[in-house]
Amino acid sequence: MKCPGQDSRYWSGNNIFEAKCPKCATILEFFKDDSTRPCPKCGYRMLNPQINFGCAEYCPHAEQCLGSLPEGLQFKKGQLSLKDRVLTAMEEYFGTDNRRISHAKKVADYAEQINKYEQGDPAIIMACGYLHDIGIKEAERTYQSSSAKYQHQEGPPVARKILTDLGVEEEMINEICDIIAHHHHPRTEETTNFKVLYDADLIVNLQEEQPAGGRSVDKLATIINKSFLTEAGQKLAREVFHIEVTL
């Protein structure tokens, strides 16, 4: 018997939907049971932003039901999902540094919320959320500084080793490391994946500055209007800081 969740006889109208390619913003049409789709313009193989692989972690018929999972999300039975394995690796790397662990978790959580609307690659975005500041230990050890310059320099090698050890595919690792290598400084043209991570990190950084005096409501409103890269990031920031939209 076919899983009802994958059987098109039980689908409703929103089980066929459109999503933007995170590389070039071309519109792709997805069916609910597509695990990935190649972009007809740039060739990027995009993960289905609405598919839930949770049942595949325990269902004995997952392979017949879903077919081949994307390389970056492949796992052996009984293992945690990629998202959870990256989280565990990040926690192990930072050890007792609860402040850095908490920061990474908050960024990943906000990134996940923003991406529900921006439709980037969830696997890449969550990995970046957990690993974006992973270079800070080496930066402090080598240069006695946690400045963005040194984080950008030291982060990618650490992230690459973690992701390689987890069996993540090379193409995905390359994009994650590229984002980590400049995550404080947007380029002129950026992917959806970068924009989602950047906005999530900015919200958390602004939150962490508030207890020390922080910024006025007007200053926060200006930052939200000018510095955020996504509409969903702006909306979430306004909700977090209780900023009303001014016309």
Protein backbone atom coordinates (compact mmCIF):
# COMPACT_ATOMS: atom_id res chain seq x y z
CA MET A 1 0.00 0.00 0.00
CA LYS A 2 1.32 3.44 -0.90
CA CYS A 3 1.85 5.94 1.91
CA PRO A 4 -1.20 8.27 1.97
CA GLY A 5 1.08 11.26 2.35
CA GLN A 6 2.76 10.44 -0.96
CA ASP A 7 -0.36 9.20 -2.82
CA SER A 8 -1.60 11.91 -5.19
CA ARG A 9 -5.20 10.74 -4.71
CA TYR A 10 -5.09 12.39 -1.28
CA TRP A 11 -3.44 15.64 -2.40
CA SER A 12 -5.03 19.07 -2.25
CA GLY A 13 -4.34 22.11 -4.40
CA ASN A 14 -1.33 23.30 -2.41
CA ASN A 15 0.53 20.00 -2.93
CA ILE A 16 1.79 21.38 -6.26
CA PHE A 17 3.57 24.68 -5.68
CA GLU A 18 6.23 27.07 -6.93
CA ALA A 19 9.53 27.99 -5.29
CA LYS A 20 12.45 30.28 -6.16
CA CYS A 21 15.83 28.83 -7.04
CA PRO A 22 18.20 30.03 -4.26
CA LYS A 23 20.96 30.56 -6.82
CA CYS A 24 19.26 32.58 -9.59
CA ALA A 25 15.65 33.16 -8.39
CA THR A 26 14.12 31.27 -11.33
CA ILE A 27 10.67 29.89 -10.44
CA LEU A 28 10.53 26.08 -10.21
CA GLU A 29 7.37 23.98 -9.98
CA PHE A 30 7.44 21.28 -7.30
CA PHE A 31 5.16 18.35 -6.67
CA LYS A 32 4.74 17.36 -3.03
CA ASP A 33 6.73 14.13 -3.43
CA ASP A 34 9.68 15.65 -5.36
CA SER A 35 12.82 15.45 -3.24
CA THR A 36 14.73 17.80 -5.58
CA ARG A 37 14.29 19.62 -8.87
CA PRO A 38 17.03 20.92 -11.21
CA CYS A 39 16.80 24.61 -12.09
CA PRO A 40 16.28 24.93 -15.86
CA LYS A 41 18.29 28.17 -15.93
CA CYS A 42 21.39 27.59 -13.77
CA GLY A 43 21.29 23.81 -13.25
CA TYR A 44 21.31 24.01 -9.44
CA ARG A 45 19.54 21.00 -7.90
CA MET A 46 17.20 22.50 -5.34
CA LEU A 47 15.78 20.62 -2.37
CA ASN A 48 12.01 20.65 -2.07
CA PRO A 49 11.51 23.36 0.60
CA GLN A 50 8.27 21.81 1.83
CA ILE A 51 9.14 18.13 1.93
CA ASN A 52 9.41 16.49 5.33
CA PHE A 53 11.93 13.64 5.51
CA GLY A 54 11.10 12.89 9.14
CA CYS A 55 9.15 9.70 8.45
CA ALA A 56 12.03 8.36 6.34
CA GLU A 57 14.20 8.14 9.45
CA TYR A 58 12.14 5.28 10.84
CA CYS A 59 9.99 3.95 7.98
CA PRO A 60 11.31 0.63 6.55
CA HIS A 61 9.78 1.47 3.15
CA ALA A 62 11.31 4.93 2.84
CA GLU A 63 13.50 4.09 -0.15
CA GLN A 64 10.60 2.67 -2.17
CA CYS A 65 8.36 5.53 -1.15
CA LEU A 66 10.64 8.53 -1.63
CA GLY A 67 13.31 7.18 -3.95
CA SER A 68 16.84 8.47 -3.54
CA LEU A 69 17.29 11.23 -0.99
CA PRO A 70 19.48 14.21 -1.90
CA GLU A 71 23.15 13.48 -1.30
CA GLY A 72 23.47 16.01 1.48
CA LEU A 73 20.62 14.42 3.42
CA GLN A 74 21.51 10.77 3.06
CA PHE A 75 21.72 8.84 6.30
CA LYS A 76 21.87 5.33 7.62
CA LYS A 77 18.96 3.88 9.54
CA GLY A 78 19.10 4.79 13.21
CA GLN A 79 21.20 7.92 12.68
CA LEU A 80 20.06 11.45 13.40
CA SER A 81 19.07 13.79 10.57
CA LEU A 82 21.75 16.01 9.04
CA LYS A 83 20.34 19.02 10.89
CA ASP A 84 20.64 17.24 14.25
CA ARG A 85 24.07 15.83 13.47
CA VAL A 86 25.44 19.28 12.59
CA LEU A 87 23.93 20.64 15.79
CA THR A 88 25.58 17.87 17.81
CA ALA A 89 28.94 18.44 16.11
CA MET A 90 28.73 22.18 16.81
CA GLU A 91 27.92 21.56 20.47
CA GLU A 92 30.82 19.13 20.79
CA TYR A 93 33.20 21.59 19.14
CA PHE A 94 32.28 24.49 21.43
CA GLY A 95 32.21 22.25 24.50
CA THR A 96 31.39 24.31 27.59
CA ASP A 97 31.08 27.59 25.67
CA ASN A 98 27.34 27.85 26.25
CA ARG A 99 27.17 31.44 25.01
CA ARG A 100 28.39 30.50 21.52
CA ILE A 101 26.18 27.40 21.44
CA SER A 102 23.13 29.42 22.43
CA HIS A 103 23.90 32.05 19.79
CA ALA A 104 24.18 29.44 17.04
CA LYS A 105 20.92 27.77 18.07
CA LYS A 106 19.06 31.09 18.04
CA VAL A 107 20.41 31.97 14.61
CA ALA A 108 19.44 28.57 13.22
CA ASP A 109 15.95 28.89 14.70
CA TYR A 110 15.36 32.34 13.20
CA ALA A 111 16.83 31.18 9.87
CA GLU A 112 14.39 28.29 9.80
CA GLN A 113 11.48 30.68 10.45
CA ILE A 114 12.62 33.12 7.75
CA ASN A 115 13.18 30.36 5.23
CA LYS A 116 9.57 29.20 5.45
CA TYR A 117 8.81 32.26 3.31
CA GLU A 118 12.07 32.81 1.41
CA GLN A 119 12.35 29.17 0.24
CA GLY A 120 16.10 28.70 0.18
CA ASP A 121 17.82 25.35 0.63
CA PRO A 122 16.91 24.24 4.18
CA ALA A 123 19.85 21.87 4.58
CA ILE A 124 22.40 24.53 3.66
CA ILE A 125 20.68 27.23 5.71
CA MET A 126 20.46 25.12 8.88
CA ALA A 127 24.10 24.01 8.57
CA CYS A 128 25.13 27.65 8.16
CA GLY A 129 23.00 28.63 11.13
CA TYR A 130 24.80 26.21 13.40
CA LEU A 131 28.29 26.72 11.94
CA HIS A 132 28.46 30.37 10.88
CA ASP A 133 30.63 31.37 13.89
CA ILE A 134 32.55 28.11 14.07
CA GLY A 135 35.86 29.91 13.34
CA ILE A 136 35.73 32.04 16.45
CA LYS A 137 37.75 29.64 18.63
CA GLU A 138 40.63 29.48 16.16
CA ALA A 139 40.45 33.25 15.64
CA GLU A 140 40.79 33.87 19.36
CA ARG A 141 43.49 31.24 19.76
CA THR A 142 45.59 32.42 16.82
CA TYR A 143 44.96 36.17 16.76
CA GLN A 144 43.50 36.85 20.23
CA SER A 145 40.59 38.41 18.38
CA SER A 146 37.02 37.45 17.46
CA SER A 147 36.74 40.07 14.71
CA ALA A 148 34.78 39.24 11.57
CA LYS A 149 37.96 39.21 9.47
CA TYR A 150 39.49 36.35 11.44
CA GLN A 151 36.22 34.46 11.84
CA HIS A 152 35.79 34.52 8.07
CA GLN A 153 39.34 33.25 7.62
CA GLU A 154 39.32 30.49 10.23
CA GLY A 155 35.71 29.30 9.98
CA PRO A 156 35.63 27.50 6.61
CA PRO A 157 38.41 24.93 7.35
CA VAL A 158 36.74 23.96 10.64
CA ALA A 159 33.30 23.75 9.02
CA ARG A 160 34.66 21.73 6.10
CA LYS A 161 36.16 19.12 8.42
CA ILE A 162 32.94 18.82 10.42
CA LEU A 163 30.79 18.46 7.30
CA THR A 164 33.21 16.09 5.59
CA ASP A 165 33.22 13.86 8.66
CA LEU A 166 29.41 13.85 8.50
CA GLY A 167 29.49 12.69 4.87
CA VAL A 168 27.99 15.82 3.32
CA GLU A 169 28.47 16.16 -0.44
CA GLU A 170 31.24 18.42 -1.72
CA GLU A 171 29.01 20.90 -3.57
CA MET A 172 26.98 21.55 -0.44
CA ILE A 173 30.11 21.89 1.70
CA ASN A 174 31.54 24.43 -0.75
CA GLU A 175 28.47 26.66 -0.56
CA ILE A 176 28.25 26.45 3.24
CA CYS A 177 31.94 27.35 3.58
CA ASP A 178 31.57 30.23 1.13
CA ILE A 179 28.72 31.68 3.20
CA ILE A 180 30.68 31.26 6.44
CA ALA A 181 33.69 32.97 4.82
CA HIS A 182 31.83 36.28 4.42
CA HIS A 183 28.69 35.95 6.54
CA HIS A 184 29.09 39.43 8.09
CA HIS A 185 29.62 41.18 4.74
CA PRO A 186 27.07 40.73 1.93
CA ARG A 187 28.31 40.92 -1.61
CA THR A 188 26.52 42.87 -4.34
CA GLU A 189 24.72 39.72 -5.49
CA GLU A 190 23.80 37.10 -2.91
CA THR A 191 21.92 33.81 -2.86
CA THR A 192 18.71 33.33 -0.92
CA ASN A 193 20.63 30.98 1.38
CA PHE A 194 23.08 33.73 2.34
CA LYS A 195 20.33 36.33 2.80
CA VAL A 196 18.35 34.11 5.16
CA LEU A 197 21.41 33.35 7.30
CA TYR A 198 22.49 37.01 7.33
CA ASP A 199 19.10 38.27 8.50
CA ALA A 200 18.79 35.61 11.20
CA ASP A 201 22.27 36.43 12.53
CA LEU A 202 21.50 40.16 12.49
CA ILE A 203 18.36 39.66 14.61
CA VAL A 204 20.30 37.68 17.22
CA ASN A 205 23.19 40.17 17.26
CA LEU A 206 20.76 43.03 17.80
CA GLN A 207 19.05 41.10 20.57
CA GLU A 208 22.34 40.42 22.30
CA GLU A 209 23.26 44.11 22.19
CA GLN A 210 20.01 45.26 23.79
CA PRO A 211 20.76 44.40 27.47
CA ALA A 212 23.86 46.61 27.40
CA GLY A 213 21.89 49.71 26.50
CA GLY A 214 21.14 48.73 22.97
CA ARG A 215 19.48 51.04 20.49
CA SER A 216 16.41 53.22 20.51
CA VAL A 217 13.23 52.10 18.79
CA ASP A 218 13.86 54.60 16.00
CA LYS A 219 17.40 53.31 15.46
CA LEU A 220 16.20 49.70 15.39
CA ALA A 221 13.50 50.65 12.90
CA THR A 222 16.14 52.25 10.66
CA ILE A 223 18.35 49.16 10.80
CA ILE A 224 15.42 46.90 9.99
CA ASN A 225 14.39 49.04 7.04
CA LYS A 226 17.90 49.43 5.58
CA SER A 227 20.06 46.48 6.64
CA PHE A 228 17.92 43.38 6.26
CA LEU A 229 18.12 41.47 2.99
CA THR A 230 14.77 39.63 2.95
CA GLU A 231 11.16 40.67 3.46
CA ALA A 232 10.62 37.76 5.82
CA GLY A 233 13.68 38.78 7.84
CA GLN A 234 12.38 42.33 8.16
CA LYS A 235 8.95 41.09 9.22
CA LEU A 236 10.39 38.74 11.84
CA ALA A 237 12.70 41.47 13.19
CA ARG A 238 9.76 43.83 13.60
CA GLU A 239 7.89 41.15 15.51
CA VAL A 240 10.88 40.38 17.74
CA PHE A 241 11.52 44.04 18.60
CA HIS A 242 7.87 45.15 18.54
CA ILE A 243 8.49 47.69 15.79
CA GLU A 244 5.42 48.92 13.92
CA VAL A 245 5.58 49.45 10.17
CA THR A 246 5.64 53.15 9.31
CA LEU A 247 4.21 54.37 6.06
